[in-house]
Amino acid sequence: MKNSVTNILMLLLVAVVAIGCASTRQASQVDVVWPLPPDKPRIKFVRSISSSGDVEGKKSFGLVNKLLGGESLTGMTKPYGVHVDKDGRLFVADTGWHKVLVFDFAAKSFWILGVDGRGVLSQPVSVSSDDSGRIYVSDSSQARIVVYDHDGQYLNAFGGREHLVKPVGVSVDSDRNRVYVVDTKAHKVVVFDRDGNFVSSFGNHGPEDGSFNWPTNIAVGKDGNVYVVDMLNFRVQVFNPSGEFLWKFGGVGRGFGQFSKPKGVAVDSSGNVFVADAAFNNVQIFDGSGRLLLFFGEMGAGPGQFWMPAGMDMGPDDTIYIADQFNKRINVYQLIRYEGDSTPPPAETTPTHTGEPVAFDHQSNNQGGPGG
């Protein structure tokens, strides 16, 4: 009887491995790109990252693994914030784990940040880092920014109830010694230096330029301008490094250049702005004047698809990392450039653009609006 059970389990394992290998071969044969041919592809789906096995090289076959006593893997449960540091390490603020998951691909190692001690995390939402390798994590329930060294050792924490109510997005500008923190419940951005000293704040609750209605995520461009997702005003607002309002783009709706539930934001090396919309399950790309260039992604669990995308970050060589919350993974995309591509001029006060996408080469074959 024992031999029969063992034989059945081994056959099941072989079948699962064979199916997995076949699926891998099939997926590798088809590139998922946007826009579709005959237009030149501008965005290419690269891979998904969902567990410690994706960095340590281990595989899990679910039920078979458990039955045979195989080694378990640490999988994402509800990723929100995502960040890639100067060494290419991927940090994921997982609101299900209540911790930050760290994927070090160069070292082929996985570890968890904020487990115990003075640096214990309760509800991490966003992650950033500076040019010295220090790691900054916003903890919304503790109303503080927790700082660790390059290796994850606790250094200090700042903010607290004196300055923060519910911090969400965090982004570091090393060149100007600034840490920008979005306080979603206080409807403002609070600015500290990297030692944690309060510098200033900007914004209040309202629909006017420079005001916010439940802001979420934030990004800093190469020029130091600050991009804030103003979620329930359905727009992105742009400020200079001192917090002075410059311009905005977006608006509520299901058409080109509009938003329903904007979350993640990132800026590429040319100044193009990427905005993830959790309701549309896609990402829209705008140039430096607020014109929609392209959108990519759709609802689903397949390669390159989304189910409630949230935070995002721009890694080296304009690699795009996006938290795909309900699919419990990080999707990775590559921005494809061609010889002769121009860099958009810096935008100043620019009216919102809500026309059709012009794409990077002023062509697009997207069908329908970004909202479905």
Protein backbone atom coordinates (compact mmCIF):
# COMPACT_ATOMS: atom_id res chain seq x y z
CA MET A 1 0.00 0.00 0.00
CA LYS A 2 2.79 2.37 0.95
CA ASN A 3 4.58 1.72 -2.34
CA SER A 4 1.35 2.36 -4.27
CA VAL A 5 0.86 5.75 -2.60
CA THR A 6 4.48 6.67 -3.26
CA ASN A 7 4.17 5.68 -6.90
CA ILE A 8 1.01 7.77 -7.31
CA LEU A 9 2.68 10.77 -5.74
CA MET A 10 5.73 10.40 -7.96
CA LEU A 11 3.56 10.17 -11.08
CA LEU A 12 1.68 13.27 -9.96
CA LEU A 13 4.95 15.10 -9.40
CA VAL A 14 6.23 14.15 -12.85
CA ALA A 15 2.97 15.33 -14.42
CA VAL A 16 3.08 18.67 -12.63
CA VAL A 17 6.71 19.23 -13.60
CA ALA A 18 5.94 18.35 -17.22
CA ILE A 19 2.99 20.75 -17.32
CA GLY A 20 5.09 23.48 -15.72
CA CYS A 21 7.92 23.02 -18.21
CA ALA A 22 5.48 23.02 -21.12
CA SER A 23 3.84 26.20 -19.84
CA THR A 24 7.23 27.87 -19.47
CA ARG A 25 8.23 26.96 -23.00
CA GLN A 26 4.92 28.20 -24.37
CA ALA A 27 5.11 31.50 -22.47
CA SER A 28 8.68 32.11 -23.61
CA GLN A 29 7.70 31.80 -27.24
CA VAL A 30 5.34 34.76 -27.22
CA ASP A 31 6.43 38.31 -26.43
CA VAL A 32 3.80 40.42 -24.68
CA VAL A 33 4.29 43.96 -25.98
CA TRP A 34 2.48 47.29 -26.39
CA PRO A 35 1.44 48.66 -28.81
CA LEU A 36 0.58 45.74 -31.05
CA PRO A 37 2.09 45.24 -34.53
CA PRO A 38 2.52 46.83 -36.96
CA ASP A 39 3.52 49.67 -34.62
CA LYS A 40 6.96 49.45 -33.02
CA PRO A 41 6.75 47.94 -29.52
CA ARG A 42 7.48 50.39 -26.71
CA ILE A 43 6.71 48.30 -23.62
CA LYS A 44 7.65 44.65 -23.20
CA PHE A 45 6.53 42.38 -20.37
CA VAL A 46 9.61 40.70 -18.88
CA ARG A 47 8.56 38.52 -15.94
CA SER A 48 6.54 38.24 -12.73
CA ILE A 49 8.04 37.87 -9.24
CA SER A 50 5.82 36.28 -6.60
CA SER A 51 7.90 34.36 -4.06
CA SER A 52 11.33 33.75 -2.58
CA GLY A 53 11.80 30.99 -5.17
CA ASP A 54 12.07 33.64 -7.90
CA VAL A 55 15.33 34.88 -6.44
CA GLU A 56 16.67 31.72 -4.80
CA GLY A 57 16.01 29.52 -7.82
CA LYS A 58 13.65 27.14 -6.01
CA LYS A 59 10.36 25.88 -7.38
CA SER A 60 7.14 25.00 -5.61
CA PHE A 61 4.50 22.60 -6.88
CA GLY A 62 1.85 23.34 -4.27
CA LEU A 63 0.05 20.20 -3.08
CA VAL A 64 2.79 17.84 -4.29
CA ASN A 65 5.42 19.84 -2.45
CA LYS A 66 3.45 19.60 0.78
CA LEU A 67 2.71 15.88 0.40
CA LEU A 68 6.35 15.03 -0.18
CA GLY A 69 7.60 17.32 2.53
CA GLY A 70 9.33 19.73 0.17
CA GLU A 71 10.80 23.06 1.22
CA SER A 72 8.20 25.82 1.49
CA LEU A 73 8.60 29.19 -0.19
CA THR A 74 7.69 32.66 1.05
CA GLY A 75 5.09 34.11 -1.28
CA MET A 76 3.60 37.57 -1.52
CA THR A 77 0.14 38.04 -0.04
CA LYS A 78 -0.83 41.65 -0.83
CA PRO A 79 2.03 43.70 -2.27
CA TYR A 80 1.53 47.46 -2.38
CA GLY A 81 4.75 49.49 -2.34
CA VAL A 82 7.66 48.51 -4.58
CA HIS A 83 11.15 49.96 -4.89
CA VAL A 84 14.44 49.07 -6.59
CA ASP A 85 17.62 50.43 -5.00
CA LYS A 86 20.93 51.39 -6.64
CA ASP A 87 22.15 47.78 -6.35
CA GLY A 88 19.11 46.37 -8.14
CA ARG A 89 17.57 44.89 -5.01
CA LEU A 90 13.77 44.71 -5.05
CA PHE A 91 11.86 45.83 -1.94
CA VAL A 92 8.16 44.98 -1.62
CA ALA A 93 5.96 46.46 1.11
CA ASP A 94 3.47 43.63 1.63
CA THR A 95 0.43 44.78 3.60
CA GLY A 96 -0.62 41.16 4.13
CA TRP A 97 2.70 40.17 5.66
CA HIS A 98 2.96 43.56 7.45
CA LYS A 99 6.63 43.49 6.51
CA VAL A 100 8.96 44.37 3.62
CA LEU A 101 10.14 41.48 1.45
CA VAL A 102 13.62 41.89 -0.02
CA PHE A 103 14.79 40.18 -3.23
CA ASP A 104 18.54 40.43 -3.82
CA PHE A 105 19.02 38.95 -7.29
CA ALA A 106 22.77 39.51 -7.45
CA ALA A 107 23.30 37.57 -4.22
CA LYS A 108 20.43 35.14 -4.98
CA SER A 109 19.06 35.76 -1.50
CA PHE A 110 15.72 36.62 0.06
CA TRP A 111 15.10 38.21 3.45
CA ILE A 112 12.41 40.05 5.38
CA LEU A 113 12.80 43.57 6.75
CA GLY A 114 11.15 44.90 9.92
CA VAL A 115 10.60 41.66 11.81
CA ASP A 116 11.55 42.67 15.35
CA GLY A 117 13.34 45.12 17.60
CA ARG A 118 13.09 48.90 17.41
CA GLY A 119 12.66 48.68 13.66
CA VAL A 120 9.66 46.35 13.74
CA LEU A 121 7.05 47.21 11.11
CA SER A 122 3.31 47.15 11.64
CA GLN A 123 1.78 48.35 8.36
CA PRO A 124 4.48 49.21 5.81
CA VAL A 125 3.08 50.82 2.68
CA SER A 126 5.93 52.36 0.69
CA VAL A 127 9.71 52.01 0.39
CA SER A 128 12.50 54.23 -0.92
CA SER A 129 16.28 54.47 -0.56
CA ASP A 130 19.03 57.05 -0.88
CA ASP A 131 22.39 57.07 -2.66
CA SER A 132 24.18 55.72 0.42
CA GLY A 133 21.97 52.64 0.50
CA ARG A 134 19.81 53.61 3.47
CA ILE A 135 16.26 52.25 3.28
CA TYR A 136 13.20 54.34 4.19
CA VAL A 137 9.85 52.63 4.94
CA SER A 138 6.56 54.40 5.61
CA ASP A 139 4.51 52.69 8.34
CA SER A 140 0.96 54.00 8.19
CA SER A 141 -0.29 52.55 11.48
CA GLN A 142 2.75 53.73 13.46
CA ALA A 143 2.73 57.12 11.69
CA ARG A 144 6.47 57.10 11.14
CA ILE A 145 9.25 56.58 8.62
CA VAL A 146 11.59 53.77 9.68
CA VAL A 147 15.18 53.94 8.42
CA TYR A 148 17.56 50.98 8.02
CA ASP A 149 21.09 50.70 6.75
CA HIS A 150 21.99 48.89 3.52
CA ASP A 151 21.95 45.52 5.28
CA GLY A 152 18.62 46.04 7.02
CA GLN A 153 19.87 47.09 10.45
CA TYR A 154 17.66 49.64 12.20
CA LEU A 155 19.09 53.17 12.27
CA ASN A 156 16.31 55.49 13.40
CA ALA A 157 12.70 56.54 12.88
CA PHE A 158 11.12 59.95 12.38
CA GLY A 159 7.79 61.66 11.85
CA GLY A 160 5.48 60.38 14.55
CA ARG A 161 2.12 61.81 15.53
CA GLU A 162 3.61 65.28 15.78
CA HIS A 163 4.04 65.47 12.00
CA LEU A 164 2.17 62.54 10.43
CA VAL A 165 -1.30 61.00 10.58
CA LYS A 166 -1.26 58.25 7.94
CA PRO A 167 1.90 58.24 5.82
CA VAL A 168 1.66 56.31 2.55
CA GLY A 169 4.00 57.27 -0.29
CA VAL A 170 7.66 58.06 0.40
CA SER A 171 10.39 59.16 -2.01
CA VAL A 172 13.96 60.29 -1.35
CA ASP A 173 15.83 63.02 -3.24
CA SER A 174 19.47 62.43 -2.27
CA ASP A 175 20.78 65.37 -4.29
CA ARG A 176 18.71 67.85 -2.29
CA ASN A 177 18.72 65.96 1.03
CA ARG A 178 14.94 65.62 1.07
CA VAL A 179 12.51 62.87 2.07
CA TYR A 180 9.00 63.49 0.75
CA VAL A 181 6.15 61.74 2.58
CA VAL A 182 2.53 61.68 1.41
CA ASP A 183 0.17 61.90 4.38
CA THR A 184 -3.02 60.62 2.81
CA LYS A 185 -5.32 61.34 5.76
CA ALA A 186 -3.94 64.84 6.35
CA HIS A 187 -4.13 65.60 2.58
CA LYS A 188 -0.60 66.96 2.36
CA VAL A 189 3.07 66.18 1.65
CA VAL A 190 5.47 66.45 4.57
CA VAL A 191 9.16 67.09 3.87
CA PHE A 192 12.06 65.96 6.08
CA ASP A 193 15.81 65.88 5.61
CA ARG A 194 17.50 62.48 5.56
CA ASP A 195 18.33 62.74 9.26
CA GLY A 196 14.62 62.98 10.00
CA ASN A 197 14.40 66.69 10.77
CA PHE A 198 11.15 68.35 9.74
CA VAL A 199 11.67 70.82 6.88
CA SER A 200 8.24 71.88 5.62
CA SER A 201 4.89 70.66 4.31
CA PHE A 202 2.64 71.63 1.43
CA GLY A 203 -0.97 71.00 0.49
CA ASN A 204 -4.33 70.89 2.25
CA HIS A 205 -7.74 69.32 1.67
CA GLY A 206 -9.52 70.61 -1.41
CA PRO A 207 -9.91 70.55 -5.20
CA GLU A 208 -7.79 73.62 -5.95
CA ASP A 209 -4.35 73.53 -7.53
CA GLY A 210 -1.87 72.54 -4.86
CA SER A 211 -4.56 70.97 -2.66
CA PHE A 212 -5.27 67.25 -2.31
CA ASN A 213 -8.10 64.81 -1.81
CA TRP A 214 -6.65 61.59 -0.38
CA PRO A 215 -3.25 61.61 -2.11
CA THR A 216 -1.40 58.29 -2.25
CA ASN A 217 1.91 57.77 -4.00
CA ILE A 218 4.80 60.01 -4.98
CA ALA A 219 7.87 60.10 -7.23
CA VAL A 220 10.77 62.50 -7.70
CA GLY A 221 12.09 63.19 -11.21
CA LYS A 222 15.73 63.69 -12.18
CA ASP A 223 15.14 67.46 -12.13
CA GLY A 224 13.90 67.30 -8.53
CA ASN A 225 10.26 67.96 -9.42
CA VAL A 226 7.80 66.06 -7.26
CA TYR A 227 4.89 64.07 -8.76
CA VAL A 228 1.99 63.35 -6.41
CA VAL A 229 -0.98 61.07 -7.15
CA ASP A 230 -4.02 63.08 -6.00
CA MET A 231 -6.29 60.05 -5.97
CA LEU A 232 -9.79 61.38 -5.33
CA ASN A 233 -9.16 64.52 -7.36
CA PHE A 234 -8.32 62.01 -10.13
CA ARG A 235 -5.11 63.71 -11.21
CA VAL A 236 -1.36 63.93 -10.80
CA GLN A 237 0.05 67.22 -9.52
CA VAL A 238 3.61 68.34 -10.11
CA PHE A 239 5.57 70.55 -7.70
CA ASN A 240 9.08 71.98 -7.68
CA PRO A 241 11.52 70.79 -4.97
CA SER A 242 10.29 73.56 -2.64
CA GLY A 243 6.68 72.38 -2.87
CA GLU A 244 5.40 75.10 -5.20
CA PHE A 245 2.67 73.96 -7.57
CA LEU A 246 3.77 73.77 -11.22
CA TRP A 247 1.15 71.92 -13.25
CA LYS A 248 -1.24 68.98 -13.30
CA PHE A 249 -2.77 66.42 -15.63
CA GLY A 250 -5.63 63.95 -15.56
CA GLY A 251 -9.29 64.11 -14.58
CA VAL A 252 -12.13 61.76 -13.69
CA GLY A 253 -13.50 59.55 -16.44
CA ARG A 254 -12.93 56.47 -18.56
CA GLY A 255 -11.36 58.17 -21.56
CA PHE A 256 -7.83 58.74 -22.73
CA GLY A 257 -5.73 60.55 -20.14
CA GLN A 258 -8.36 60.22 -17.40
CA PHE A 259 -8.35 58.26 -14.14
CA SER A 260 -10.68 56.26 -11.93
CA LYS A 261 -8.42 55.06 -9.09
CA PRO A 262 -4.84 56.23 -9.71
CA LYS A 263 -2.24 54.69 -7.42
CA GLY A 264 1.38 54.16 -8.46
CA VAL A 265 3.53 56.78 -10.19
CA ALA A 266 7.05 56.71 -11.64
CA VAL A 267 9.18 58.92 -13.89
CA ASP A 268 11.56 57.53 -16.52
CA SER A 269 14.94 58.93 -17.58
CA SER A 270 13.33 61.10 -20.27
CA GLY A 271 10.77 62.67 -17.96
CA ASN A 272 7.79 60.59 -19.07
CA VAL A 273 5.33 59.89 -16.26
CA PHE A 274 3.80 56.44 -15.66
CA VAL A 275 0.56 56.18 -13.65
CA ALA A 276 -1.03 52.88 -12.55
CA ASP A 277 -4.83 52.86 -12.24
CA ALA A 278 -6.23 50.20 -9.91
CA ALA A 279 -9.73 50.44 -11.39
CA PHE A 280 -8.65 50.34 -15.06
CA ASN A 281 -6.04 47.64 -14.35
CA ASN A 282 -3.52 49.38 -16.58
CA VAL A 283 -0.75 51.95 -16.72
CA GLN A 284 -0.96 55.19 -18.71
CA ILE A 285 2.20 56.94 -19.90
CA PHE A 286 2.32 60.74 -20.26
CA ASP A 287 5.03 62.97 -21.65
CA GLY A 288 6.45 66.05 -19.95
CA SER A 289 3.53 68.20 -21.09
CA GLY A 290 0.79 65.88 -19.89
CA ARG A 291 0.01 64.30 -23.27
CA LEU A 292 -0.96 60.64 -23.16
CA LEU A 293 1.59 58.59 -25.11
CA LEU A 294 0.44 55.04 -24.56
CA PHE A 295 -1.29 52.73 -22.11
CA PHE A 296 -0.57 49.08 -21.37
CA GLY A 297 -2.03 46.20 -19.37
CA GLU A 298 -5.53 44.87 -18.79
CA MET A 299 -7.58 42.92 -16.25
CA GLY A 300 -6.44 39.33 -15.82
CA ALA A 301 -3.94 36.93 -14.30
CA GLY A 302 -1.90 36.19 -17.41
CA PRO A 303 1.52 37.53 -18.41
CA GLY A 304 1.54 41.32 -18.24
CA GLN A 305 -2.03 41.57 -16.94
CA PHE A 306 -3.19 43.16 -13.67
CA TRP A 307 -5.67 42.74 -10.88
CA MET A 308 -5.61 45.93 -8.81
CA PRO A 309 -2.15 47.38 -9.58
CA ALA A 310 -0.78 49.65 -6.85
CA GLY A 311 2.72 51.00 -6.26
CA MET A 312 5.38 51.16 -8.94
CA ASP A 313 9.01 52.14 -9.40
CA MET A 314 11.45 52.76 -12.24
CA GLY A 315 14.59 50.66 -11.97
CA PRO A 316 17.90 50.78 -13.86
CA ASP A 317 17.70 51.18 -17.64
CA ASP A 318 14.03 52.21 -17.35
CA THR A 319 12.85 48.83 -16.13
CA ILE A 320 9.35 49.17 -14.68
CA TYR A 321 8.25 47.32 -11.52
CA ILE A 322 4.54 47.31 -10.64
CA ALA A 323 2.79 45.76 -7.64
CA ASP A 324 -0.03 43.54 -8.94
CA GLN A 325 -1.93 43.31 -5.66
CA PHE A 326 -4.60 40.67 -6.06
CA ASN A 327 -2.43 38.49 -8.31
CA LYS A 328 0.10 38.56 -5.44
CA ARG A 329 3.09 39.43 -7.57
CA ILE A 330 5.33 42.14 -9.00
CA ASN A 331 5.15 42.54 -12.77
CA VAL A 332 8.32 43.67 -14.54
CA TYR A 333 8.34 45.51 -17.88
CA GLN A 334 11.04 47.01 -20.08
CA LEU A 335 10.75 50.39 -21.79
CA ILE A 336 12.04 49.98 -25.34
CA ARG A 337 13.84 52.91 -26.95
CA TYR A 338 14.92 53.49 -30.54
CA GLU A 339 17.59 55.63 -32.15
CA GLY A 340 16.20 59.08 -32.80
CA ASP A 341 13.80 59.10 -29.85
CA SER A 342 13.61 62.61 -28.48
CA THR A 343 13.59 63.66 -24.85
CA PRO A 344 10.49 65.74 -23.98
CA PRO A 345 11.21 69.31 -22.85
CA PRO A 346 10.59 70.10 -19.17
CA ALA A 347 6.99 71.07 -18.52
CA GLU A 348 5.91 74.21 -16.73
CA THR A 349 2.28 75.17 -16.22
CA THR A 350 0.53 73.01 -18.80
CA PRO A 351 -3.21 72.49 -19.36
CA THR A 352 -4.55 68.98 -18.90
CA HIS A 353 -4.38 66.91 -22.08
CA THR A 354 -7.36 64.62 -22.59
CA GLY A 355 -7.10 63.82 -26.29
CA GLU A 356 -6.19 60.49 -27.85
CA PRO A 357 -2.77 58.97 -27.16
CA VAL A 358 -0.04 60.21 -29.46
CA ALA A 359 2.35 57.36 -28.59
CA PHE A 360 6.11 57.81 -28.55
CA ASP A 361 6.30 58.04 -32.33
CA HIS A 362 2.92 59.76 -32.68
CA GLN A 363 1.17 56.52 -33.64
CA SER A 364 -1.03 54.13 -31.69
CA ASN A 365 -3.21 51.19 -32.49
CA ASN A 366 -4.77 50.79 -29.05
CA GLN A 367 -8.43 49.88 -29.28
CA GLY A 368 -10.87 51.67 -27.00
CA GLY A 369 -10.14 53.92 -24.05
CA PRO A 370 -7.90 53.02 -21.13
CA GLY A 371 -10.92 52.39 -18.93
CA GLY A 372 -11.99 49.24 -20.71
